Amino acid sequence: MTVPGRKRVYRLYGGPDNRTPLVDYMCLADEDPPKAAAGGEDKNGEGIICRNPFRQQHRLMIYPSRIEPLHSLVFDKGTVVVHPDKTDCGSLSETREYVLKQLREEFPDTITRYENPMEYDVMVSPKLYNYLHELWEKNAPIQERR
């Protein structure tokens, strides 16, 4: 299912080594980017509320030690834009190697195994969650009975 609207997507990291992906997090483009917790374990600091867009009761409070954006601007009004952190976007084979390295080194085997893998959560911000549900409510067909 596609999620409408302009968004930003981040990967939130934590765990004992501060390198384990915890969730992927989507928020609206006009929202402030999420911030890592001081030390990753600072429960007194501000955590990030994450909502499952499809299961109302599935909510998480994440205290990530590191946050990485998962995409960058490539086209702006029909013009190719070069991301300031990169002089070259890389070839397809370089991108493939980068993704394979992430899967080998960052994600636990419980997620990447072929048989009975654990689900990896893609969560949304509370603001994006509310936007999606208002949109669905507004456009969902209403059954009639007479």
N, C-alpha and C. Protein backbone atom coordinates (compact mmCIF):
# COMPACT_ATOMS: atom_id res chain seq x y z
N MET A 1 0.84 -1.18 0.00
CA MET A 1 0.00 0.00 0.00
C MET A 1 0.89 1.24 0.00
N THR A 2 0.54 2.20 -0.79
CA THR A 2 1.30 3.44 -0.77
C THR A 2 0.75 4.35 0.31
N VAL A 3 1.63 5.17 0.83
CA VAL A 3 1.26 6.16 1.85
C VAL A 3 1.33 7.52 1.17
N PRO A 4 0.18 8.18 0.98
CA PRO A 4 0.17 9.43 0.23
C PRO A 4 0.83 10.58 0.98
N GLY A 5 1.22 11.59 0.23
CA GLY A 5 1.79 12.80 0.82
C GLY A 5 3.31 12.81 0.80
N ARG A 6 3.88 13.99 1.00
CA ARG A 6 5.33 14.13 1.07
C ARG A 6 5.79 13.69 2.44
N LYS A 7 6.79 12.80 2.44
CA LYS A 7 7.26 12.22 3.69
C LYS A 7 8.78 12.20 3.74
N ARG A 8 9.28 11.98 4.94
CA ARG A 8 10.69 11.67 5.17
C ARG A 8 10.74 10.32 5.86
N VAL A 9 11.79 9.55 5.56
CA VAL A 9 11.92 8.22 6.13
C VAL A 9 13.29 8.10 6.79
N TYR A 10 13.29 7.54 8.00
CA TYR A 10 14.52 7.41 8.79
C TYR A 10 14.64 5.98 9.31
N ARG A 11 15.85 5.54 9.55
CA ARG A 11 16.08 4.28 10.24
C ARG A 11 16.59 4.63 11.63
N LEU A 12 15.92 4.07 12.66
CA LEU A 12 16.29 4.33 14.05
C LEU A 12 17.10 3.14 14.56
N TYR A 13 18.30 3.42 15.07
CA TYR A 13 19.22 2.38 15.53
C TYR A 13 19.34 2.40 17.05
N GLY A 14 19.66 1.23 17.60
CA GLY A 14 19.89 1.10 19.04
C GLY A 14 20.50 -0.24 19.35
N GLY A 15 20.05 -0.84 20.44
CA GLY A 15 20.58 -2.14 20.84
C GLY A 15 21.87 -2.00 21.61
N PRO A 16 22.42 -3.12 22.08
CA PRO A 16 23.63 -3.08 22.90
C PRO A 16 24.84 -2.50 22.17
N ASP A 17 24.88 -2.67 20.85
CA ASP A 17 26.02 -2.15 20.08
C ASP A 17 25.71 -0.82 19.40
N ASN A 18 24.51 -0.30 19.58
CA ASN A 18 24.04 0.94 18.94
C ASN A 18 24.08 0.87 17.41
N ARG A 19 24.10 -0.35 16.86
CA ARG A 19 24.13 -0.54 15.41
C ARG A 19 22.96 -1.35 14.90
N THR A 20 22.07 -1.76 15.78
CA THR A 20 20.96 -2.61 15.39
C THR A 20 19.77 -1.75 14.94
N PRO A 21 19.25 -1.98 13.72
CA PRO A 21 18.05 -1.25 13.30
C PRO A 21 16.87 -1.63 14.19
N LEU A 22 16.20 -0.64 14.75
CA LEU A 22 15.04 -0.89 15.61
C LEU A 22 13.75 -0.83 14.80
N VAL A 23 13.56 0.24 14.06
CA VAL A 23 12.39 0.41 13.19
C VAL A 23 12.77 1.39 12.08
N ASP A 24 12.00 1.37 11.01
CA ASP A 24 12.04 2.44 10.03
C ASP A 24 10.86 3.35 10.37
N TYR A 25 11.08 4.65 10.27
CA TYR A 25 10.13 5.65 10.78
C TYR A 25 9.82 6.66 9.69
N MET A 26 8.52 6.81 9.38
CA MET A 26 8.08 7.78 8.39
C MET A 26 7.36 8.93 9.08
N CYS A 27 7.66 10.14 8.62
CA CYS A 27 6.94 11.31 9.11
C CYS A 27 6.65 12.23 7.93
N LEU A 28 5.76 13.17 8.12
CA LEU A 28 5.45 14.11 7.07
C LEU A 28 6.65 15.01 6.82
N ALA A 29 6.80 15.50 5.59
CA ALA A 29 7.96 16.30 5.22
C ALA A 29 8.08 17.57 6.04
N ASP A 30 6.96 18.11 6.52
CA ASP A 30 7.03 19.36 7.29
C ASP A 30 7.26 19.15 8.79
N GLU A 31 7.38 17.90 9.22
CA GLU A 31 7.67 17.62 10.63
C GLU A 31 9.17 17.77 10.90
N ASP A 32 9.49 18.11 12.15
CA ASP A 32 10.90 18.14 12.55
C ASP A 32 11.47 16.73 12.49
N PRO A 33 12.73 16.59 12.07
CA PRO A 33 13.32 15.24 12.05
C PRO A 33 13.44 14.69 13.47
N PRO A 34 13.36 13.37 13.61
CA PRO A 34 13.50 12.77 14.95
C PRO A 34 14.92 12.98 15.46
N LYS A 35 15.06 12.98 16.79
CA LYS A 35 16.36 13.18 17.41
C LYS A 35 16.74 11.97 18.23
N ALA A 36 18.03 11.64 18.19
CA ALA A 36 18.55 10.51 18.97
C ALA A 36 18.55 10.88 20.44
N ALA A 37 18.31 9.88 21.28
CA ALA A 37 18.37 10.08 22.73
C ALA A 37 19.83 10.16 23.15
N ALA A 38 20.10 10.97 24.15
CA ALA A 38 21.47 11.07 24.65
C ALA A 38 21.89 9.73 25.21
N GLY A 39 22.92 9.14 24.63
CA GLY A 39 23.40 7.84 25.09
C GLY A 39 22.53 6.68 24.64
N GLY A 40 21.43 6.96 23.96
CA GLY A 40 20.58 5.90 23.45
C GLY A 40 19.71 5.25 24.50
N GLU A 41 20.05 5.39 25.76
CA GLU A 41 19.31 4.73 26.83
C GLU A 41 18.70 5.74 27.79
N ASP A 42 18.75 7.01 27.45
CA ASP A 42 18.29 8.07 28.34
C ASP A 42 16.76 8.08 28.38
N LYS A 43 16.18 7.33 29.30
CA LYS A 43 14.73 7.24 29.39
C LYS A 43 14.12 8.53 29.94
N ASN A 44 14.96 9.42 30.49
CA ASN A 44 14.45 10.70 30.96
C ASN A 44 14.34 11.69 29.82
N GLY A 45 15.04 11.43 28.74
CA GLY A 45 14.98 12.30 27.57
C GLY A 45 13.72 12.04 26.77
N GLU A 46 13.60 12.75 25.68
CA GLU A 46 12.43 12.60 24.83
C GLU A 46 12.59 11.38 23.93
N GLY A 47 11.66 10.49 24.03
CA GLY A 47 11.62 9.35 23.11
C GLY A 47 10.83 9.72 21.88
N ILE A 48 10.78 8.81 20.93
CA ILE A 48 10.04 9.02 19.69
C ILE A 48 8.84 8.08 19.71
N ILE A 49 7.66 8.65 19.65
CA ILE A 49 6.44 7.83 19.61
C ILE A 49 6.26 7.34 18.18
N CYS A 50 6.16 6.03 18.04
CA CYS A 50 5.99 5.39 16.73
C CYS A 50 4.66 4.65 16.71
N ARG A 51 3.92 4.83 15.62
CA ARG A 51 2.61 4.18 15.48
C ARG A 51 2.63 3.25 14.28
N ASN A 52 1.98 2.08 14.44
CA ASN A 52 1.76 1.21 13.31
C ASN A 52 0.55 1.77 12.57
N PRO A 53 0.68 2.09 11.27
CA PRO A 53 -0.44 2.73 10.59
C PRO A 53 -1.66 1.86 10.43
N PHE A 54 -1.51 0.52 10.58
CA PHE A 54 -2.62 -0.39 10.32
C PHE A 54 -3.17 -1.05 11.58
N ARG A 55 -2.42 -1.02 12.68
CA ARG A 55 -2.87 -1.65 13.92
C ARG A 55 -2.88 -0.59 15.01
N GLN A 56 -4.07 -0.14 15.35
CA GLN A 56 -4.26 0.99 16.27
C GLN A 56 -3.57 0.79 17.61
N GLN A 57 -3.57 -0.41 18.14
CA GLN A 57 -3.03 -0.66 19.48
C GLN A 57 -1.51 -0.86 19.48
N HIS A 58 -0.88 -0.97 18.31
CA HIS A 58 0.57 -1.20 18.25
C HIS A 58 1.30 0.14 18.22
N ARG A 59 1.82 0.52 19.39
CA ARG A 59 2.58 1.76 19.53
C ARG A 59 3.89 1.45 20.24
N LEU A 60 4.92 2.21 19.90
CA LEU A 60 6.22 2.03 20.54
C LEU A 60 6.78 3.39 20.95
N MET A 61 7.55 3.39 22.04
CA MET A 61 8.35 4.55 22.40
C MET A 61 9.79 4.12 22.17
N ILE A 62 10.47 4.78 21.24
CA ILE A 62 11.82 4.40 20.85
C ILE A 62 12.79 5.46 21.36
N TYR A 63 13.92 4.99 21.90
CA TYR A 63 15.01 5.85 22.34
C TYR A 63 16.25 5.47 21.51
N PRO A 64 16.32 5.95 20.27
CA PRO A 64 17.42 5.52 19.39
C PRO A 64 18.74 6.20 19.77
N SER A 65 19.82 5.47 19.55
CA SER A 65 21.14 6.05 19.77
C SER A 65 21.65 6.73 18.51
N ARG A 66 21.07 6.34 17.37
CA ARG A 66 21.50 6.90 16.08
C ARG A 66 20.33 6.89 15.12
N ILE A 67 20.27 7.89 14.26
CA ILE A 67 19.20 8.01 13.27
C ILE A 67 19.83 8.33 11.92
N GLU A 68 19.40 7.59 10.89
CA GLU A 68 19.90 7.85 9.54
C GLU A 68 18.73 8.08 8.60
N PRO A 69 18.79 9.14 7.79
CA PRO A 69 17.76 9.31 6.76
C PRO A 69 17.94 8.23 5.70
N LEU A 70 16.82 7.73 5.17
CA LEU A 70 16.88 6.64 4.19
C LEU A 70 16.73 7.11 2.75
N HIS A 71 16.45 8.37 2.56
CA HIS A 71 16.39 8.85 1.17
C HIS A 71 16.83 10.30 1.13
N SER A 72 17.14 10.74 -0.07
CA SER A 72 17.54 12.13 -0.26
C SER A 72 16.89 12.64 -1.54
N LEU A 73 16.88 13.93 -1.68
CA LEU A 73 16.26 14.56 -2.84
C LEU A 73 17.06 14.25 -4.10
N VAL A 74 16.40 13.72 -5.11
CA VAL A 74 17.05 13.40 -6.38
C VAL A 74 16.55 14.34 -7.48
N PHE A 75 15.24 14.58 -7.52
CA PHE A 75 14.66 15.48 -8.51
C PHE A 75 13.92 16.59 -7.78
N ASP A 76 14.06 17.81 -8.28
CA ASP A 76 13.33 18.94 -7.73
C ASP A 76 12.74 19.72 -8.90
N LYS A 77 11.42 19.65 -9.04
CA LYS A 77 10.70 20.32 -10.13
C LYS A 77 11.29 19.96 -11.49
N GLY A 78 11.58 18.66 -11.68
CA GLY A 78 12.07 18.17 -12.96
C GLY A 78 13.57 18.30 -13.17
N THR A 79 14.28 18.86 -12.20
CA THR A 79 15.73 19.03 -12.31
C THR A 79 16.43 18.03 -11.40
N VAL A 80 17.48 17.39 -11.92
CA VAL A 80 18.26 16.45 -11.11
C VAL A 80 19.06 17.25 -10.09
N VAL A 81 18.97 16.82 -8.85
CA VAL A 81 19.68 17.49 -7.76
C VAL A 81 20.69 16.50 -7.19
N VAL A 82 21.89 16.97 -6.87
CA VAL A 82 22.90 16.13 -6.25
C VAL A 82 22.85 16.37 -4.75
N HIS A 83 22.71 15.31 -4.00
CA HIS A 83 22.67 15.41 -2.54
C HIS A 83 23.99 16.00 -2.05
N PRO A 84 23.97 16.96 -1.10
CA PRO A 84 25.21 17.61 -0.67
C PRO A 84 26.24 16.65 -0.06
N ASP A 85 25.81 15.52 0.48
CA ASP A 85 26.75 14.57 1.08
C ASP A 85 27.40 13.66 0.06
N LYS A 86 26.91 13.69 -1.17
CA LYS A 86 27.41 12.75 -2.18
C LYS A 86 27.76 13.51 -3.45
N THR A 87 28.90 13.20 -4.04
CA THR A 87 29.21 13.77 -5.35
C THR A 87 28.74 12.84 -6.44
N ASP A 88 28.53 11.56 -6.09
CA ASP A 88 28.08 10.57 -7.06
C ASP A 88 27.07 9.67 -6.37
N CYS A 89 25.95 9.44 -6.99
CA CYS A 89 24.92 8.59 -6.39
C CYS A 89 25.31 7.12 -6.42
N GLY A 90 26.33 6.74 -7.19
CA GLY A 90 26.75 5.36 -7.23
C GLY A 90 26.04 4.58 -8.32
N SER A 91 26.71 3.56 -8.80
CA SER A 91 26.11 2.72 -9.82
C SER A 91 25.14 1.74 -9.18
N LEU A 92 24.41 1.05 -10.01
CA LEU A 92 23.47 0.06 -9.50
C LEU A 92 24.19 -1.04 -8.73
N SER A 93 25.34 -1.48 -9.22
CA SER A 93 26.09 -2.53 -8.52
C SER A 93 26.63 -2.04 -7.18
N GLU A 94 27.04 -0.77 -7.09
CA GLU A 94 27.50 -0.21 -5.81
C GLU A 94 26.34 -0.13 -4.82
N THR A 95 25.18 0.26 -5.30
CA THR A 95 24.00 0.34 -4.44
C THR A 95 23.63 -1.06 -3.95
N ARG A 96 23.68 -2.04 -4.83
CA ARG A 96 23.37 -3.43 -4.45
C ARG A 96 24.32 -3.90 -3.36
N GLU A 97 25.62 -3.65 -3.52
CA GLU A 97 26.61 -4.06 -2.52
C GLU A 97 26.36 -3.37 -1.18
N TYR A 98 25.98 -2.10 -1.23
CA TYR A 98 25.68 -1.35 -0.01
C TYR A 98 24.50 -1.99 0.74
N VAL A 99 23.44 -2.33 0.01
CA VAL A 99 22.26 -2.95 0.63
C VAL A 99 22.61 -4.32 1.20
N LEU A 100 23.35 -5.13 0.45
CA LEU A 100 23.74 -6.46 0.94
C LEU A 100 24.60 -6.34 2.20
N LYS A 101 25.48 -5.37 2.23
CA LYS A 101 26.33 -5.15 3.42
C LYS A 101 25.46 -4.79 4.62
N GLN A 102 24.47 -3.92 4.42
CA GLN A 102 23.55 -3.57 5.51
C GLN A 102 22.84 -4.81 6.03
N LEU A 103 22.34 -5.64 5.12
CA LEU A 103 21.61 -6.84 5.53
C LEU A 103 22.50 -7.81 6.30
N ARG A 104 23.75 -7.94 5.87
CA ARG A 104 24.69 -8.86 6.54
C ARG A 104 25.14 -8.33 7.89
N GLU A 105 25.46 -7.04 7.98
CA GLU A 105 26.13 -6.50 9.15
C GLU A 105 25.20 -5.84 10.17
N GLU A 106 24.07 -5.34 9.74
CA GLU A 106 23.22 -4.57 10.66
C GLU A 106 22.00 -5.33 11.15
N PHE A 107 21.33 -6.02 10.24
CA PHE A 107 20.08 -6.68 10.62
C PHE A 107 20.37 -8.04 11.24
N PRO A 108 19.68 -8.38 12.33
CA PRO A 108 19.89 -9.69 12.95
C PRO A 108 19.35 -10.81 12.05
N ASP A 109 19.91 -12.00 12.23
CA ASP A 109 19.49 -13.16 11.45
C ASP A 109 18.01 -13.46 11.61
N THR A 110 17.44 -13.12 12.75
CA THR A 110 16.02 -13.40 12.98
C THR A 110 15.13 -12.65 11.99
N ILE A 111 15.62 -11.56 11.42
CA ILE A 111 14.85 -10.78 10.45
C ILE A 111 15.17 -11.20 9.02
N THR A 112 16.44 -11.55 8.75
CA THR A 112 16.85 -11.82 7.37
C THR A 112 16.77 -13.29 6.98
N ARG A 113 16.47 -14.17 7.92
CA ARG A 113 16.42 -15.60 7.57
C ARG A 113 15.25 -15.86 6.61
N TYR A 114 15.39 -16.94 5.82
CA TYR A 114 14.37 -17.27 4.83
C TYR A 114 13.15 -17.93 5.45
N GLU A 115 13.35 -18.75 6.47
CA GLU A 115 12.23 -19.45 7.09
C GLU A 115 11.80 -18.74 8.36
N ASN A 116 10.52 -18.43 8.42
CA ASN A 116 9.91 -17.83 9.59
C ASN A 116 10.64 -16.58 10.09
N PRO A 117 10.87 -15.59 9.22
CA PRO A 117 11.55 -14.38 9.68
C PRO A 117 10.64 -13.54 10.57
N MET A 118 11.26 -12.84 11.50
CA MET A 118 10.50 -11.90 12.34
C MET A 118 10.13 -10.69 11.49
N GLU A 119 9.04 -10.07 11.83
CA GLU A 119 8.60 -8.87 11.12
C GLU A 119 9.47 -7.68 11.54
N TYR A 120 9.87 -6.87 10.58
CA TYR A 120 10.60 -5.64 10.86
C TYR A 120 9.59 -4.50 10.73
N ASP A 121 9.47 -3.70 11.77
CA ASP A 121 8.44 -2.67 11.81
C ASP A 121 8.80 -1.44 11.00
N VAL A 122 7.82 -0.98 10.22
CA VAL A 122 7.86 0.33 9.59
C VAL A 122 6.75 1.11 10.26
N MET A 123 7.14 2.11 11.02
CA MET A 123 6.19 2.86 11.84
C MET A 123 6.06 4.29 11.31
N VAL A 124 5.04 4.98 11.76
CA VAL A 124 4.80 6.35 11.34
C VAL A 124 4.70 7.26 12.56
N SER A 125 4.89 8.55 12.32
CA SER A 125 4.75 9.53 13.39
C SER A 125 3.27 9.67 13.74
N PRO A 126 2.97 10.17 14.94
CA PRO A 126 1.57 10.39 15.29
C PRO A 126 0.85 11.33 14.32
N LYS A 127 1.56 12.34 13.82
CA LYS A 127 0.95 13.28 12.88
C LYS A 127 0.61 12.59 11.56
N LEU A 128 1.51 11.76 11.05
CA LEU A 128 1.25 11.02 9.81
C LEU A 128 0.15 9.98 10.04
N TYR A 129 0.14 9.34 11.20
CA TYR A 129 -0.90 8.38 11.56
C TYR A 129 -2.29 9.06 11.49
N ASN A 130 -2.41 10.23 12.13
CA ASN A 130 -3.69 10.95 12.13
C ASN A 130 -4.09 11.37 10.72
N TYR A 131 -3.13 11.83 9.93
CA TYR A 131 -3.40 12.23 8.54
C TYR A 131 -3.95 11.05 7.74
N LEU A 132 -3.29 9.89 7.85
CA LEU A 132 -3.73 8.70 7.11
C LEU A 132 -5.14 8.28 7.51
N HIS A 133 -5.41 8.27 8.80
CA HIS A 133 -6.72 7.81 9.26
C HIS A 133 -7.83 8.79 8.92
N GLU A 134 -7.53 10.09 8.94
CA GLU A 134 -8.52 11.07 8.50
C GLU A 134 -8.81 10.91 7.01
N LEU A 135 -7.76 10.67 6.22
CA LEU A 135 -7.92 10.47 4.78
C LEU A 135 -8.74 9.22 4.50
N TRP A 136 -8.41 8.12 5.18
CA TRP A 136 -9.16 6.88 4.99
C TRP A 136 -10.62 7.04 5.38
N GLU A 137 -10.85 7.70 6.50
CA GLU A 137 -12.23 7.92 6.98
C GLU A 137 -13.02 8.75 5.98
N LYS A 138 -12.38 9.76 5.44
CA LYS A 138 -13.04 10.67 4.49
C LYS A 138 -13.38 9.96 3.18
N ASN A 139 -12.53 9.03 2.75
CA ASN A 139 -12.69 8.41 1.43
C ASN A 139 -13.24 6.99 1.45
N ALA A 140 -13.38 6.40 2.63
CA ALA A 140 -13.90 5.04 2.70
C ALA A 140 -15.37 5.00 2.32
N PRO A 141 -15.76 4.03 1.52
CA PRO A 141 -17.18 3.94 1.16
C PRO A 141 -18.04 3.64 2.37
N ILE A 142 -19.23 4.17 2.34
CA ILE A 142 -20.18 3.93 3.43
C ILE A 142 -21.25 3.00 2.90
N GLN A 143 -21.41 1.89 3.57
CA GLN A 143 -22.44 0.94 3.18
C GLN A 143 -23.81 1.49 3.55
N GLU A 144 -24.77 1.12 2.73
CA GLU A 144 -26.15 1.54 3.01
C GLU A 144 -27.00 0.31 3.26
N ARG A 145 -27.93 0.46 4.17
CA ARG A 145 -28.96 -0.57 4.41
C ARG A 145 -30.29 0.15 4.53
N ARG A 146 -31.25 -0.46 3.94
CA ARG A 146 -32.60 0.17 3.99
C ARG A 146 -33.61 -0.85 4.41
